[in-house]
């Protein structure tokens, strides 16, 4: 989709009701979906993170940026994610966290990003994080500079491909719940996107489809 056309729909995005759990559950592993319905946060004391779902023009076409995390010893090693990271005590709010971490991870200054609205927070059991996603746009072409210690690669995903149902697949992965589980996922380029990022993408996709096609 042409980026200028996409911008015409932004006011509708601001007003749309978020589908929240109903969208998350569609891309959740079976074991995860069961726990989401009955989870009690009273004794979890989760750490907090924020991520940026950033749209921008590339050759005048609307794109969404994702990152490939480096391989390391941890539950999120080599996974596909949105730019973002941990909330720090000096951050004035979670949107600031998402902007700061986006700057650190992919080199885009906060002045270039307009934060449109928060999306539904999502709890990640394996790492005990509560993640707050934010929808943002940049109205100029971007040059990404990945933070080498955190980011292995940048994925620039055209909106038209993101909205296609053909990228939704079922695949088998190793999870914290079992040695091998069949999970819903997005197949983006040669990458399989599942778990928390897929669940956040699901809500984003449903909102955009409602706005663009209704």
Protein backbone atom coordinates (compact mmCIF):
# COMPACT_ATOMS: atom_id res chain seq x y z
CA UNK A 1 0.00 0.00 0.00
CA UNK A 2 1.16 3.50 -0.86
CA UNK A 3 2.27 5.27 2.32
CA UNK A 4 0.31 8.45 1.66
CA UNK A 5 -2.82 6.32 1.28
CA UNK A 6 -1.97 4.53 4.52
CA UNK A 7 -1.74 7.87 6.35
CA UNK A 8 -5.34 8.63 5.40
CA UNK A 9 -6.44 5.69 7.57
CA UNK A 10 -4.47 6.72 10.65
CA UNK A 11 -7.38 8.66 12.27
CA UNK A 12 -9.53 5.51 12.07
CA UNK A 13 -6.78 3.47 13.72
CA UNK A 14 -6.85 5.87 16.67
CA UNK A 15 -10.56 5.27 17.20
CA UNK A 16 -10.80 1.51 16.66
CA UNK A 17 -11.44 -0.83 19.60
CA UNK A 18 -8.57 -3.17 20.32
CA UNK A 19 -9.49 -6.88 20.05
CA UNK A 20 -6.95 -7.70 22.82
CA UNK A 21 -7.23 -11.31 24.09
CA UNK A 22 -9.43 -12.38 21.17
CA UNK A 23 -6.64 -11.51 18.73
CA UNK A 24 -3.77 -12.73 20.91
CA UNK A 25 -5.32 -16.16 21.39
CA UNK A 26 -5.43 -16.82 17.64
CA UNK A 27 -1.64 -16.96 17.45
CA UNK A 28 -0.92 -18.42 20.88
CA UNK A 29 0.52 -21.92 21.38
CA UNK A 30 -2.17 -24.26 22.77
CA UNK A 31 -0.49 -24.54 26.16
CA UNK A 32 -0.11 -20.77 26.31
CA UNK A 33 -3.74 -20.11 25.41
CA UNK A 34 -4.92 -22.22 28.33
CA UNK A 35 -2.68 -20.38 30.80
CA UNK A 36 -3.71 -16.96 29.47
CA UNK A 37 -7.29 -17.59 30.49
CA UNK A 38 -6.47 -18.30 34.12
CA UNK A 39 -3.20 -16.55 34.90
CA UNK A 40 -2.88 -14.77 38.25
CA UNK A 41 -0.37 -11.91 38.32
CA UNK A 42 -0.57 -11.33 42.08
CA UNK A 43 2.60 -13.34 42.75
CA UNK A 44 4.39 -12.84 39.44
CA UNK A 45 5.85 -9.33 39.88
CA UNK A 46 6.76 -9.29 36.19
CA UNK A 47 9.52 -7.18 34.73
CA UNK A 48 8.35 -4.57 32.23
CA UNK A 49 9.33 -3.94 28.63
CA UNK A 50 7.94 -1.88 25.76
CA UNK A 51 8.18 -2.32 21.99
CA UNK A 52 7.51 -0.19 18.93
CA UNK A 53 5.36 -1.38 16.02
CA UNK A 54 6.77 1.09 13.52
CA UNK A 55 5.36 1.79 10.05
CA UNK A 56 7.26 3.93 7.57
CA UNK A 57 7.65 4.50 3.80
CA UNK A 58 10.22 2.64 1.73
CA UNK A 59 10.14 3.56 -1.96
CA UNK A 60 6.78 5.19 -1.09
CA UNK A 61 5.34 1.82 0.01
CA UNK A 62 4.24 1.18 3.61
CA UNK A 63 6.54 -1.12 5.59
CA UNK A 64 6.73 -2.50 9.14
CA UNK A 65 10.11 -3.09 10.79
CA UNK A 66 11.02 -6.22 12.75
CA UNK A 67 14.36 -7.35 14.12
CA UNK A 68 16.13 -10.68 14.35
CA UNK A 69 17.69 -11.00 17.77
CA UNK A 70 21.22 -12.33 18.17
CA UNK A 71 21.78 -15.89 19.34
CA UNK A 72 22.56 -16.14 23.04
CA UNK A 73 21.79 -18.29 26.07
CA UNK A 74 18.24 -17.20 26.83
CA UNK A 75 14.58 -17.82 26.06
CA UNK A 76 14.40 -15.19 23.32
CA UNK A 77 17.59 -16.15 21.47
CA UNK A 78 17.45 -15.62 17.68
CA UNK A 79 13.75 -14.79 17.78
CA UNK A 80 11.95 -12.26 15.61
CA UNK A 81 10.74 -9.26 17.57
CA UNK A 82 9.73 -5.64 17.44
CA UNK A 83 12.40 -3.11 18.38
CA UNK A 84 12.15 -2.53 22.13
CA UNK A 85 13.41 -3.54 25.52
CA UNK A 86 13.34 -3.17 29.28
CA UNK A 87 11.74 -0.29 31.11
CA UNK A 88 14.28 1.70 33.10
CA UNK A 89 13.57 3.66 36.25
CA UNK A 90 14.41 6.97 34.54
CA UNK A 91 11.89 6.38 31.72
CA UNK A 92 8.96 8.75 32.12
CA UNK A 93 6.49 6.22 30.69
CA UNK A 94 6.33 3.03 28.64
CA UNK A 95 6.06 4.92 25.33
CA UNK A 96 9.37 6.59 26.19
CA UNK A 97 10.86 3.14 26.81
CA UNK A 98 9.74 1.95 23.36
CA UNK A 99 11.20 5.06 21.70
CA UNK A 100 14.48 4.89 23.61
CA UNK A 101 14.97 1.20 22.91
CA UNK A 102 14.07 1.61 19.23
CA UNK A 103 16.75 4.28 18.99
CA UNK A 104 19.29 2.02 20.69
CA UNK A 105 18.46 -1.14 18.74
CA UNK A 106 17.87 0.13 15.20
CA UNK A 107 19.20 3.71 15.26
CA UNK A 108 15.96 5.63 14.68
CA UNK A 109 15.82 8.82 16.75
CA UNK A 110 12.60 9.42 18.74
CA UNK A 111 12.12 12.74 16.92
CA UNK A 112 11.43 10.76 13.74
CA UNK A 113 8.63 8.67 15.28
CA UNK A 114 5.07 9.71 16.05
CA UNK A 115 3.54 7.43 18.68
CA UNK A 116 -0.08 6.85 17.68
CA UNK A 117 -1.52 4.67 20.44
CA UNK A 118 -0.79 1.85 22.89
CA UNK A 119 -1.89 -1.65 22.04
CA UNK A 120 -2.80 -4.41 24.52
CA UNK A 121 -0.07 -5.42 26.94
CA UNK A 122 1.01 -9.07 26.84
CA UNK A 123 2.51 -11.25 29.54
CA UNK A 124 5.37 -13.60 28.55
CA UNK A 125 5.60 -16.47 31.08
CA UNK A 126 9.03 -17.93 30.18
CA UNK A 127 10.82 -14.64 30.85
CA UNK A 128 8.26 -13.16 33.29
CA UNK A 129 7.93 -9.95 31.27
CA UNK A 130 4.88 -7.76 30.76
CA UNK A 131 5.32 -6.16 27.33
CA UNK A 132 3.62 -2.92 26.31
CA UNK A 133 3.40 -2.47 22.51
CA UNK A 134 2.98 0.94 20.87
CA UNK A 135 1.96 1.76 17.32
CA UNK A 136 4.14 4.40 15.71
CA UNK A 137 4.77 5.92 12.31
CA UNK A 138 7.63 7.73 10.66
CA UNK A 139 6.77 9.88 7.65
CA UNK A 140 10.22 9.67 6.11
CA UNK A 141 12.36 6.91 4.65
CA UNK A 142 14.50 5.35 7.36
CA UNK A 143 18.05 4.06 7.43
CA UNK A 144 18.34 1.41 10.12
CA UNK A 145 21.57 1.01 12.06
CA UNK A 146 21.31 -2.25 14.05
CA UNK A 147 22.89 -2.49 17.48
CA UNK A 148 25.35 -5.30 16.81
CA UNK A 149 25.26 -6.63 20.37
CA UNK A 150 21.48 -7.14 20.21
CA UNK A 151 20.33 -7.27 16.59
CA UNK A 152 21.46 -9.80 13.98
CA UNK A 153 19.30 -8.52 11.12
CA UNK A 154 16.53 -6.11 10.13
CA UNK A 155 13.31 -7.24 8.43
CA UNK A 156 11.48 -4.62 6.38
CA UNK A 157 8.03 -6.11 5.87
CA UNK A 158 5.69 -4.60 3.27
CA UNK A 159 2.21 -3.96 4.67
CA UNK A 160 0.58 -5.85 1.78
CA UNK A 161 2.48 -9.02 2.70
CA UNK A 162 1.74 -8.61 6.40
CA UNK A 163 -1.99 -8.38 5.68
CA UNK A 164 -1.99 -11.51 3.50
CA UNK A 165 -3.46 -14.65 5.03
CA UNK A 166 -0.89 -16.71 3.14
CA UNK A 167 1.84 -15.95 5.69
CA UNK A 168 -0.09 -17.65 8.52
CA UNK A 169 1.19 -21.21 9.01
CA UNK A 170 1.27 -24.02 11.54
CA UNK A 171 4.73 -25.21 12.52
CA UNK A 172 6.56 -27.26 15.13
CA UNK A 173 8.96 -25.50 17.50
CA UNK A 174 10.72 -26.12 20.77
CA UNK A 175 8.93 -24.28 23.56
CA UNK A 176 9.27 -23.81 27.30
CA UNK A 177 6.15 -25.97 27.67
CA UNK A 178 7.34 -29.04 25.80
CA UNK A 179 10.15 -30.40 23.65
CA UNK A 180 8.14 -29.92 20.48
CA UNK A 181 4.82 -28.18 19.99
CA UNK A 182 2.68 -27.35 17.00
CA UNK A 183 2.08 -23.60 17.05
CA UNK A 184 0.46 -20.98 14.81
CA UNK A 185 3.01 -18.65 13.30
CA UNK A 186 3.72 -16.07 10.62
CA UNK A 187 6.17 -17.07 7.90
CA UNK A 188 7.97 -13.87 6.97
CA UNK A 189 10.71 -14.21 4.37
CA UNK A 190 12.65 -17.23 5.67
CA UNK A 191 11.73 -16.60 9.29
CA UNK A 192 9.10 -18.19 11.50
CA UNK A 193 7.51 -15.68 13.87
CA UNK A 194 5.65 -17.24 16.77
CA UNK A 195 4.91 -16.70 20.45
CA UNK A 196 4.58 -13.21 21.90
CA UNK A 197 5.57 -11.34 18.74
CA UNK A 198 3.07 -13.32 16.67
CA UNK A 199 0.36 -12.59 19.24
CA UNK A 200 1.06 -8.85 19.10
CA UNK A 201 1.19 -9.00 15.31
CA UNK A 202 -2.21 -10.71 15.37
CA UNK A 203 -3.82 -7.81 17.19
CA UNK A 204 -2.11 -5.29 14.92
CA UNK A 205 -3.25 -7.19 11.82
CA UNK A 206 -6.87 -7.39 12.97
CA UNK A 207 -6.99 -3.67 13.72
CA UNK A 208 -5.52 -2.76 10.35
CA UNK A 209 -7.84 -5.10 8.46
CA UNK A 210 -10.85 -3.59 10.21
CA UNK A 211 -9.72 -0.08 9.35
CA UNK A 212 -8.54 -0.70 5.79
CA UNK A 213 -11.23 -3.09 4.58
CA UNK A 214 -14.40 -2.10 6.43
